[in-house]
Amino acid sequence: MICKICTKKSEKLFQAKIINKHYIDYFHCNHCGFLQTEEPHWLEEAYSESINVSDTGYVQRNLMLSKKLTILLSLFFDKDRKFLDYAGGYGVFVRMMRDIGFDFYWDDKYTKNLFARGFEYQEGDECGAVTTFESFEHFVNPMIEIDSLLKISRNIIFSTETLPNPIPKPEDWWYYGLEHGQHISFYAKKTFEFIAKEHNLNYANLGELHLLSDRKISNLQVNSLKLSRYGLHKFLQKKIKSKTWSDYLKMSKNNENLV
């Protein structure tokens, strides 16, 4: 099978049973470290619900990410720019970031926007950065998805679990997501380094987060993200005006115009 990242030949590594039903093959590329499933013919079944029922960390993850992104965007980016949360799920993260004061917008092809209605991303808008959390492992064609995101911003902040070394057996790593079948793409550190080089970008591992960017992030800057546990995000939040009330006024006016 051809690797979807570097187009070199991938070798079959193992077979696993997903959704307690389908036996599928997994292929590993020695050149860039990418692990992919066979062509995913089961996705319509896997996405009967876009956010799978076993994702019990959904709310906790958004709380943690809002703290870290407050630090990252305040210190290393222009905090007054527009930002896009791609594959934004129900819109929880966008609403949280707007409540803090960042001009965030939502986009998701497969999930209904429940919490950030009225703040959908408009195609063509340029952004200071794109965030996308727990989505890279869902990409059927990662390089096409990444190319699309880079047209919006040259800074992509994302989360996904990196492939352990040695590569675990199917029963030894929860992130394969065998029970739901939605995870089909898995990346090693050298996979992200390859992607960055292909697009003339820098790659940085930020702990729970990853960054593909046209700027370099120093180790000191990376370590500053750990200060979220000591409340740095709260200090920085005081310097940003929340959009909760202004968003309310905007949406109330929109509702009046529809009457």
C-alpha atoms as a PDB file:
ATOM      1  CA  MET A   1       0.000   0.000   0.000  1.00  0.00           C
ATOM      2  CA  ILE A   2       1.270   3.515  -0.826  1.00  0.00           C
ATOM      3  CA  CYS A   3       1.908   5.810   2.154  1.00  0.00           C
ATOM      4  CA  LYS A   4      -0.517   8.731   2.173  1.00  0.00           C
ATOM      5  CA  ILE A   5       2.134  11.045   3.615  1.00  0.00           C
ATOM      6  CA  CYS A   6       5.332  10.447   1.630  1.00  0.00           C
ATOM      7  CA  THR A   7       4.043   8.133  -1.185  1.00  0.00           C
ATOM      8  CA  LYS A   8       6.654   5.476  -0.390  1.00  0.00           C
ATOM      9  CA  LYS A   9       5.600   1.846  -0.071  1.00  0.00           C
ATOM     10  CA  SER A  10       4.021   0.859   3.272  1.00  0.00           C
ATOM     11  CA  GLU A  11       4.211  -2.690   4.586  1.00  0.00           C
ATOM     12  CA  LYS A  12       1.404  -4.548   6.337  1.00  0.00           C
ATOM     13  CA  LEU A  13       2.100  -4.540  10.063  1.00  0.00           C
ATOM     14  CA  PHE A  14      -0.907  -6.286  11.614  1.00  0.00           C
ATOM     15  CA  GLN A  15      -4.628  -6.923  11.389  1.00  0.00           C
ATOM     16  CA  ALA A  16      -7.248  -5.835  13.917  1.00  0.00           C
ATOM     17  CA  LYS A  17     -10.990  -6.125  14.445  1.00  0.00           C
ATOM     18  CA  ILE A  18     -12.893  -2.835  14.583  1.00  0.00           C
ATOM     19  CA  ILE A  19     -16.465  -2.030  15.648  1.00  0.00           C
ATOM     20  CA  ASN A  20     -16.496  -5.656  16.818  1.00  0.00           C
ATOM     21  CA  LYS A  21     -17.157  -6.553  13.198  1.00  0.00           C
ATOM     22  CA  HIS A  22     -14.582  -5.740  10.481  1.00  0.00           C
ATOM     23  CA  TYR A  23     -11.093  -7.228  10.219  1.00  0.00           C
ATOM     24  CA  ILE A  24      -8.837  -4.593   8.693  1.00  0.00           C
ATOM     25  CA  ASP A  25      -5.149  -4.316   7.849  1.00  0.00           C
ATOM     26  CA  TYR A  26      -2.752  -1.661   9.147  1.00  0.00           C
ATOM     27  CA  PHE A  27       0.249  -0.543   7.058  1.00  0.00           C
ATOM     28  CA  HIS A  28       3.436   1.111   8.305  1.00  0.00           C
ATOM     29  CA  CYS A  29       5.837   3.325   6.368  1.00  0.00           C
ATOM     30  CA  ASN A  30       9.470   3.005   7.432  1.00  0.00           C
ATOM     31  CA  HIS A  31      10.395   6.171   5.559  1.00  0.00           C
ATOM     32  CA  CYS A  32       8.200   8.711   7.390  1.00  0.00           C
ATOM     33  CA  GLY A  33       6.837   6.595  10.257  1.00  0.00           C
ATOM     34  CA  PHE A  34       3.158   6.935   9.288  1.00  0.00           C
ATOM     35  CA  LEU A  35       0.727   4.133  10.168  1.00  0.00           C
ATOM     36  CA  GLN A  36      -2.515   3.884   8.204  1.00  0.00           C
ATOM     37  CA  THR A  37      -5.388   1.498   7.844  1.00  0.00           C
ATOM     38  CA  GLU A  38      -6.455  -0.034   4.568  1.00  0.00           C
ATOM     39  CA  GLU A  39      -8.857   2.174   2.610  1.00  0.00           C
ATOM     40  CA  PRO A  40     -11.610   2.856   5.195  1.00  0.00           C
ATOM     41  CA  HIS A  41     -14.797   1.420   3.700  1.00  0.00           C
ATOM     42  CA  TRP A  42     -16.514   1.334   7.122  1.00  0.00           C
ATOM     43  CA  LEU A  43     -16.632   5.065   7.899  1.00  0.00           C
ATOM     44  CA  GLU A  44     -20.328   5.596   7.253  1.00  0.00           C
ATOM     45  CA  GLU A  45     -20.993   2.988   9.922  1.00  0.00           C
ATOM     46  CA  ALA A  46     -18.326   4.391  12.257  1.00  0.00           C
ATOM     47  CA  TYR A  47     -19.794   7.893  12.030  1.00  0.00           C
ATOM     48  CA  SER A  48     -23.375   7.032  12.808  1.00  0.00           C
ATOM     49  CA  GLU A  49     -22.583   9.544  15.585  1.00  0.00           C
ATOM     50  CA  SER A  50     -19.871  12.079  14.715  1.00  0.00           C
ATOM     51  CA  ILE A  51     -18.558  12.214  18.292  1.00  0.00           C
ATOM     52  CA  ASN A  52     -18.267   8.692  19.587  1.00  0.00           C
ATOM     53  CA  VAL A  53     -19.887   7.695  22.860  1.00  0.00           C
ATOM     54  CA  SER A  54     -16.579   6.519  24.362  1.00  0.00           C
ATOM     55  CA  ASP A  55     -15.083  10.048  24.229  1.00  0.00           C
ATOM     56  CA  THR A  56     -15.623  10.718  27.938  1.00  0.00           C
ATOM     57  CA  GLY A  57     -12.809  13.281  27.977  1.00  0.00           C
ATOM     58  CA  TYR A  58     -14.562  15.716  25.633  1.00  0.00           C
ATOM     59  CA  VAL A  59     -15.385  18.442  28.184  1.00  0.00           C
ATOM     60  CA  GLN A  60     -12.231  18.019  30.267  1.00  0.00           C
ATOM     61  CA  ARG A  61     -10.107  18.233  27.118  1.00  0.00           C
ATOM     62  CA  ASN A  62     -11.727  21.506  26.063  1.00  0.00           C
ATOM     63  CA  LEU A  63     -11.149  23.008  29.514  1.00  0.00           C
ATOM     64  CA  MET A  64      -7.460  22.077  29.405  1.00  0.00           C
ATOM     65  CA  LEU A  65      -7.038  23.305  25.832  1.00  0.00           C
ATOM     66  CA  SER A  66      -8.657  26.684  26.552  1.00  0.00           C
ATOM     67  CA  LYS A  67      -6.043  27.331  29.263  1.00  0.00           C
ATOM     68  CA  LYS A  68      -3.080  26.332  27.085  1.00  0.00           C
ATOM     69  CA  LEU A  69      -4.339  28.222  24.039  1.00  0.00           C
ATOM     70  CA  THR A  70      -4.836  31.367  26.133  1.00  0.00           C
ATOM     71  CA  ILE A  71      -1.110  31.232  26.943  1.00  0.00           C
ATOM     72  CA  LEU A  72       0.049  30.216  23.472  1.00  0.00           C
ATOM     73  CA  LEU A  73      -2.001  32.768  21.521  1.00  0.00           C
ATOM     74  CA  SER A  74      -1.360  35.599  23.993  1.00  0.00           C
ATOM     75  CA  LEU A  75       2.417  35.196  24.118  1.00  0.00           C
ATOM     76  CA  PHE A  76       3.425  33.951  20.675  1.00  0.00           C
ATOM     77  CA  PHE A  77       0.737  35.083  18.225  1.00  0.00           C
ATOM     78  CA  ASP A  78      -1.269  38.207  17.468  1.00  0.00           C
ATOM     79  CA  LYS A  79      -4.123  37.619  19.907  1.00  0.00           C
ATOM     80  CA  ASP A  80      -6.344  40.120  18.075  1.00  0.00           C
ATOM     81  CA  ARG A  81      -6.458  38.113  14.828  1.00  0.00           C
ATOM     82  CA  LYS A  82      -9.274  35.800  13.792  1.00  0.00           C
ATOM     83  CA  PHE A  83      -8.824  32.124  14.645  1.00  0.00           C
ATOM     84  CA  LEU A  84     -10.507  29.039  13.250  1.00  0.00           C
ATOM     85  CA  ASP A  85     -11.298  25.857  15.161  1.00  0.00           C
ATOM     86  CA  TYR A  86     -11.467  23.267  12.392  1.00  0.00           C
ATOM     87  CA  ALA A  87     -13.461  20.093  13.005  1.00  0.00           C
ATOM     88  CA  GLY A  88     -14.852  22.024  15.958  1.00  0.00           C
ATOM     89  CA  GLY A  89     -17.451  19.487  17.066  1.00  0.00           C
ATOM     90  CA  TYR A  90     -20.376  20.972  18.966  1.00  0.00           C
ATOM     91  CA  GLY A  91     -18.665  24.381  19.213  1.00  0.00           C
ATOM     92  CA  VAL A  92     -17.734  24.115  22.890  1.00  0.00           C
ATOM     93  CA  PHE A  93     -14.132  25.230  22.389  1.00  0.00           C
ATOM     94  CA  VAL A  94     -15.074  28.170  20.162  1.00  0.00           C
ATOM     95  CA  ARG A  95     -17.606  29.388  22.729  1.00  0.00           C
ATOM     96  CA  MET A  96     -15.063  29.036  25.551  1.00  0.00           C
ATOM     97  CA  MET A  97     -12.398  30.961  23.628  1.00  0.00           C
ATOM     98  CA  ARG A  98     -14.838  33.730  22.705  1.00  0.00           C
ATOM     99  CA  ASP A  99     -15.878  33.933  26.353  1.00  0.00           C
ATOM    100  CA  ILE A 100     -12.206  34.498  27.186  1.00  0.00           C
ATOM    101  CA  GLY A 101     -11.940  37.168  24.474  1.00  0.00           C
ATOM    102  CA  PHE A 102     -10.415  35.566  21.367  1.00  0.00           C
ATOM    103  CA  ASP A 103     -12.110  36.045  17.988  1.00  0.00           C
ATOM    104  CA  PHE A 104     -12.661  32.338  17.271  1.00  0.00           C
ATOM    105  CA  TYR A 105     -14.836  30.788  14.574  1.00  0.00           C
ATOM    106  CA  TRP A 106     -16.185  27.286  14.028  1.00  0.00           C
ATOM    107  CA  ASP A 107     -16.137  24.829  11.134  1.00  0.00           C
ATOM    108  CA  ASP A 108     -17.098  21.159  11.035  1.00  0.00           C
ATOM    109  CA  LYS A 109     -18.465  19.215   8.061  1.00  0.00           C
ATOM    110  CA  TYR A 110     -19.897  16.390  10.119  1.00  0.00           C
ATOM    111  CA  THR A 111     -21.154  17.806  13.425  1.00  0.00           C
ATOM    112  CA  LYS A 112     -23.919  20.244  14.297  1.00  0.00           C
ATOM    113  CA  ASN A 113     -22.836  23.554  15.795  1.00  0.00           C
ATOM    114  CA  LEU A 114     -24.661  23.784  19.121  1.00  0.00           C
ATOM    115  CA  PHE A 115     -22.672  26.265  21.217  1.00  0.00           C
ATOM    116  CA  ALA A 116     -21.091  28.673  18.705  1.00  0.00           C
ATOM    117  CA  ARG A 117     -24.025  29.405  16.406  1.00  0.00           C
ATOM    118  CA  GLY A 118     -23.593  32.659  14.528  1.00  0.00           C
ATOM    119  CA  PHE A 119     -19.806  32.321  14.532  1.00  0.00           C
ATOM    120  CA  GLU A 120     -19.290  29.931  11.652  1.00  0.00           C
ATOM    121  CA  TYR A 121     -16.129  30.369   9.584  1.00  0.00           C
ATOM    122  CA  GLN A 122     -16.606  32.123   6.252  1.00  0.00           C
ATOM    123  CA  GLU A 123     -14.573  30.644   3.405  1.00  0.00           C
ATOM    124  CA  GLY A 124     -11.799  32.974   2.288  1.00  0.00           C
ATOM    125  CA  ASP A 125     -11.145  34.538   5.692  1.00  0.00           C
ATOM    126  CA  GLU A 126      -7.472  34.450   6.696  1.00  0.00           C
ATOM    127  CA  CYS A 127      -6.659  33.572  10.286  1.00  0.00           C
ATOM    128  CA  GLY A 128      -3.754  33.995  12.651  1.00  0.00           C
ATOM    129  CA  ALA A 129      -3.859  30.278  13.377  1.00  0.00           C
ATOM    130  CA  VAL A 130      -6.020  27.218  12.875  1.00  0.00           C
ATOM    131  CA  THR A 131      -6.687  24.913  15.796  1.00  0.00           C
ATOM    132  CA  THR A 132      -7.897  21.376  15.258  1.00  0.00           C
ATOM    133  CA  PHE A 133      -8.083  18.906  18.107  1.00  0.00           C
ATOM    134  CA  GLU A 134      -8.356  15.130  17.886  1.00  0.00           C
ATOM    135  CA  SER A 135      -8.920  15.295  14.124  1.00  0.00           C
ATOM    136  CA  PHE A 136      -5.613  14.309  12.470  1.00  0.00           C
ATOM    137  CA  GLU A 137      -6.238  10.662  13.338  1.00  0.00           C
ATOM    138  CA  HIS A 138      -9.569  10.876  11.455  1.00  0.00           C
ATOM    139  CA  PHE A 139      -8.095  12.222   8.195  1.00  0.00           C
ATOM    140  CA  VAL A 140      -8.596   9.890   5.234  1.00  0.00           C
ATOM    141  CA  ASN A 141      -6.150  11.934   3.127  1.00  0.00           C
ATOM    142  CA  PRO A 142      -3.990  13.871   5.615  1.00  0.00           C
ATOM    143  CA  MET A 143      -1.865  15.800   3.125  1.00  0.00           C
ATOM    144  CA  ILE A 144      -4.948  17.117   1.297  1.00  0.00           C
ATOM    145  CA  GLU A 145      -6.504  18.206   4.610  1.00  0.00           C
ATOM    146  CA  ILE A 146      -3.283  19.906   5.716  1.00  0.00           C
ATOM    147  CA  ASP A 147      -2.939  21.702   2.372  1.00  0.00           C
ATOM    148  CA  SER A 148      -6.460  23.076   2.819  1.00  0.00           C
ATOM    149  CA  LEU A 149      -5.700  24.307   6.339  1.00  0.00           C
ATOM    150  CA  LEU A 150      -2.480  26.008   5.224  1.00  0.00           C
ATOM    151  CA  LYS A 151      -4.477  28.119   2.774  1.00  0.00           C
ATOM    152  CA  ILE A 152      -6.250  29.582   5.821  1.00  0.00           C
ATOM    153  CA  SER A 153      -3.163  29.975   8.012  1.00  0.00           C
ATOM    154  CA  ARG A 154       0.487  28.946   8.065  1.00  0.00           C
ATOM    155  CA  ASN A 155       0.065  28.106  11.744  1.00  0.00           C
ATOM    156  CA  ILE A 156      -1.730  24.892  12.681  1.00  0.00           C
ATOM    157  CA  ILE A 157      -2.106  24.019  16.371  1.00  0.00           C
ATOM    158  CA  PHE A 158      -3.438  20.519  16.876  1.00  0.00           C
ATOM    159  CA  SER A 159      -3.679  17.539  19.190  1.00  0.00           C
ATOM    160  CA  THR A 160      -3.290  13.866  18.440  1.00  0.00           C
ATOM    161  CA  GLU A 161      -1.454  11.042  20.188  1.00  0.00           C
ATOM    162  CA  THR A 162       1.926  10.263  18.625  1.00  0.00           C
ATOM    163  CA  LEU A 163       2.682   6.687  17.703  1.00  0.00           C
ATOM    164  CA  PRO A 164       4.723   4.966  20.452  1.00  0.00           C
ATOM    165  CA  ASN A 165       8.031   3.270  19.685  1.00  0.00           C
ATOM    166  CA  PRO A 166       7.938   0.325  19.353  1.00  0.00           C
ATOM    167  CA  ILE A 167       4.528   0.346  17.694  1.00  0.00           C
ATOM    168  CA  PRO A 168       2.014  -1.348  20.036  1.00  0.00           C
ATOM    169  CA  LYS A 169      -0.090  -4.330  19.111  1.00  0.00           C
ATOM    170  CA  PRO A 170      -3.801  -3.586  18.532  1.00  0.00           C
ATOM    171  CA  GLU A 171      -4.819  -4.739  22.011  1.00  0.00           C
ATOM    172  CA  ASP A 172      -2.063  -2.695  23.700  1.00  0.00           C
ATOM    173  CA  TRP A 173      -2.941   0.880  22.668  1.00  0.00           C
ATOM    174  CA  TRP A 174      -6.294   2.497  23.334  1.00  0.00           C
ATOM    175  CA  TYR A 175      -5.770   5.153  20.671  1.00  0.00           C
ATOM    176  CA  TYR A 176      -6.362   2.734  17.817  1.00  0.00           C
ATOM    177  CA  GLY A 177     -10.033   3.240  18.720  1.00  0.00           C
ATOM    178  CA  LEU A 178     -11.021  -0.268  17.699  1.00  0.00           C
ATOM    179  CA  GLU A 179     -14.406   0.030  19.408  1.00  0.00           C
ATOM    180  CA  HIS A 180     -15.527   2.936  17.175  1.00  0.00           C
ATOM    181  CA  GLY A 181     -13.391   2.586  14.047  1.00  0.00           C
ATOM    182  CA  GLN A 182     -12.931   6.328  13.485  1.00  0.00           C
ATOM    183  CA  HIS A 183      -9.130   6.460  13.948  1.00  0.00           C
ATOM    184  CA  ILE A 184      -7.432   5.568  10.682  1.00  0.00           C
ATOM    185  CA  SER A 185      -4.222   7.675  10.602  1.00  0.00           C
ATOM    186  CA  PHE A 186      -1.392   7.563  13.151  1.00  0.00           C
ATOM    187  CA  TYR A 187       1.715   9.741  13.181  1.00  0.00           C
ATOM    188  CA  ALA A 188       5.197   9.424  14.611  1.00  0.00           C
ATOM    189  CA  LYS A 189       7.313  12.460  15.455  1.00  0.00           C
ATOM    190  CA  LYS A 190       9.277  11.983  12.241  1.00  0.00           C
ATOM    191  CA  THR A 191       5.988  11.981  10.306  1.00  0.00           C
ATOM    192  CA  PHE A 192       5.294  15.534  11.475  1.00  0.00           C
ATOM    193  CA  GLU A 193       8.897  16.517  10.762  1.00  0.00           C
ATOM    194  CA  PHE A 194       8.481  15.202   7.214  1.00  0.00           C
ATOM    195  CA  ILE A 195       5.196  17.128   6.761  1.00  0.00           C
ATOM    196  CA  ALA A 196       6.826  20.315   8.074  1.00  0.00           C
ATOM    197  CA  LYS A 197       9.772  19.982   5.683  1.00  0.00           C
ATOM    198  CA  GLU A 198       7.444  19.371   2.731  1.00  0.00           C
ATOM    199  CA  HIS A 199       5.671  22.670   3.446  1.00  0.00           C
ATOM    200  CA  ASN A 200       8.729  24.673   4.518  1.00  0.00           C
ATOM    201  CA  LEU A 201       7.408  24.884   8.081  1.00  0.00           C
ATOM    202  CA  ASN A 202       8.723  24.263  11.582  1.00  0.00           C
ATOM    203  CA  TYR A 203       7.378  21.498  13.791  1.00  0.00           C
ATOM    204  CA  ALA A 204       7.238  21.733  17.576  1.00  0.00           C
ATOM    205  CA  ASN A 205       5.940  19.241  20.117  1.00  0.00           C
ATOM    206  CA  LEU A 206       4.152  21.221  22.835  1.00  0.00           C
ATOM    207  CA  GLY A 207       3.328  18.348  25.167  1.00  0.00           C
ATOM    208  CA  GLU A 208      -0.356  17.574  24.600  1.00  0.00           C
ATOM    209  CA  LEU A 209      -0.253  19.852  21.556  1.00  0.00           C
ATOM    210  CA  HIS A 210       1.637  19.993  18.269  1.00  0.00           C
ATOM    211  CA  LEU A 211       2.472  22.998  16.115  1.00  0.00           C
ATOM    212  CA  LEU A 212       3.176  23.317  12.406  1.00  0.00           C
ATOM    213  CA  SER A 213       4.226  26.905  11.865  1.00  0.00           C
ATOM    214  CA  ASP A 214       6.243  29.318   9.767  1.00  0.00           C
ATOM    215  CA  ARG A 215       7.764  30.552  13.031  1.00  0.00           C
ATOM    216  CA  LYS A 216      10.127  28.807  15.404  1.00  0.00           C
ATOM    217  CA  ILE A 217       9.068  28.095  18.974  1.00  0.00           C
ATOM    218  CA  SER A 218      11.934  27.875  21.483  1.00  0.00           C
ATOM    219  CA  ASN A 219      12.160  25.346  24.314  1.00  0.00           C
ATOM    220  CA  LEU A 220      11.612  28.212  26.759  1.00  0.00           C
ATOM    221  CA  GLN A 221       8.364  29.079  25.025  1.00  0.00           C
ATOM    222  CA  VAL A 222       7.285  25.432  25.005  1.00  0.00           C
ATOM    223  CA  ASN A 223       7.955  25.158  28.730  1.00  0.00           C
ATOM    224  CA  SER A 224       5.877  28.267  29.425  1.00  0.00           C
ATOM    225  CA  LEU A 225       2.766  26.303  28.437  1.00  0.00           C
ATOM    226  CA  LYS A 226       3.259  24.214  31.560  1.00  0.00           C
ATOM    227  CA  LEU A 227       2.509  27.336  33.600  1.00  0.00           C
ATOM    228  CA  SER A 228      -1.211  26.861  32.914  1.00  0.00           C
ATOM    229  CA  ARG A 229      -1.224  24.637  35.991  1.00  0.00           C
ATOM    230  CA  TYR A 230      -0.001  27.625  38.011  1.00  0.00           C
ATOM    231  CA  GLY A 231      -2.622  30.036  36.721  1.00  0.00           C
ATOM    232  CA  LEU A 232      -0.715  31.995  34.050  1.00  0.00           C
ATOM    233  CA  HIS A 233      -3.781  31.739  31.802  1.00  0.00           C
ATOM    234  CA  LYS A 234      -5.845  33.568  34.457  1.00  0.00           C
ATOM    235  CA  PHE A 235      -3.347  36.447  34.545  1.00  0.00           C
ATOM    236  CA  LEU A 236      -3.340  36.727  30.740  1.00  0.00           C
ATOM    237  CA  GLN A 237      -7.138  36.524  30.588  1.00  0.00           C
ATOM    238  CA  LYS A 238      -7.361  39.763  32.555  1.00  0.00           C
ATOM    239  CA  LYS A 239      -5.714  41.544  29.611  1.00  0.00           C
ATOM    240  CA  ILE A 240      -8.379  40.347  27.137  1.00  0.00           C
ATOM    241  CA  LYS A 241     -11.957  41.573  26.957  1.00  0.00           C
ATOM    242  CA  SER A 242     -14.507  38.752  26.954  1.00  0.00           C
ATOM    243  CA  LYS A 243     -16.855  38.579  23.980  1.00  0.00           C
ATOM    244  CA  THR A 244     -19.702  36.955  25.925  1.00  0.00           C
ATOM    245  CA  TRP A 245     -21.780  40.139  26.247  1.00  0.00           C
ATOM    246  CA  SER A 246     -20.956  41.598  22.820  1.00  0.00           C
ATOM    247  CA  ASP A 247     -21.811  38.227  21.242  1.00  0.00           C
ATOM    248  CA  TYR A 248     -25.116  38.250  23.116  1.00  0.00           C
ATOM    249  CA  LEU A 249     -25.938  41.706  21.798  1.00  0.00           C
ATOM    250  CA  LYS A 250     -25.004  40.711  18.257  1.00  0.00           C
ATOM    251  CA  MET A 251     -27.067  37.533  18.282  1.00  0.00           C
ATOM    252  CA  SER A 252     -30.043  39.277  19.944  1.00  0.00           C
ATOM    253  CA  LYS A 253     -30.005  41.925  17.206  1.00  0.00           C
ATOM    254  CA  ASN A 254     -29.820  39.219  14.539  1.00  0.00           C
ATOM    255  CA  ASN A 255     -32.845  37.500  16.069  1.00  0.00           C
ATOM    256  CA  GLU A 256     -34.793  40.779  16.065  1.00  0.00           C
ATOM    257  CA  ASN A 257     -34.024  41.280  12.373  1.00  0.00           C
ATOM    258  CA  LEU A 258     -35.407  37.839  11.606  1.00  0.00           C
ATOM    259  CA  VAL A 259     -38.750  38.559  13.281  1.00  0.00           C
END
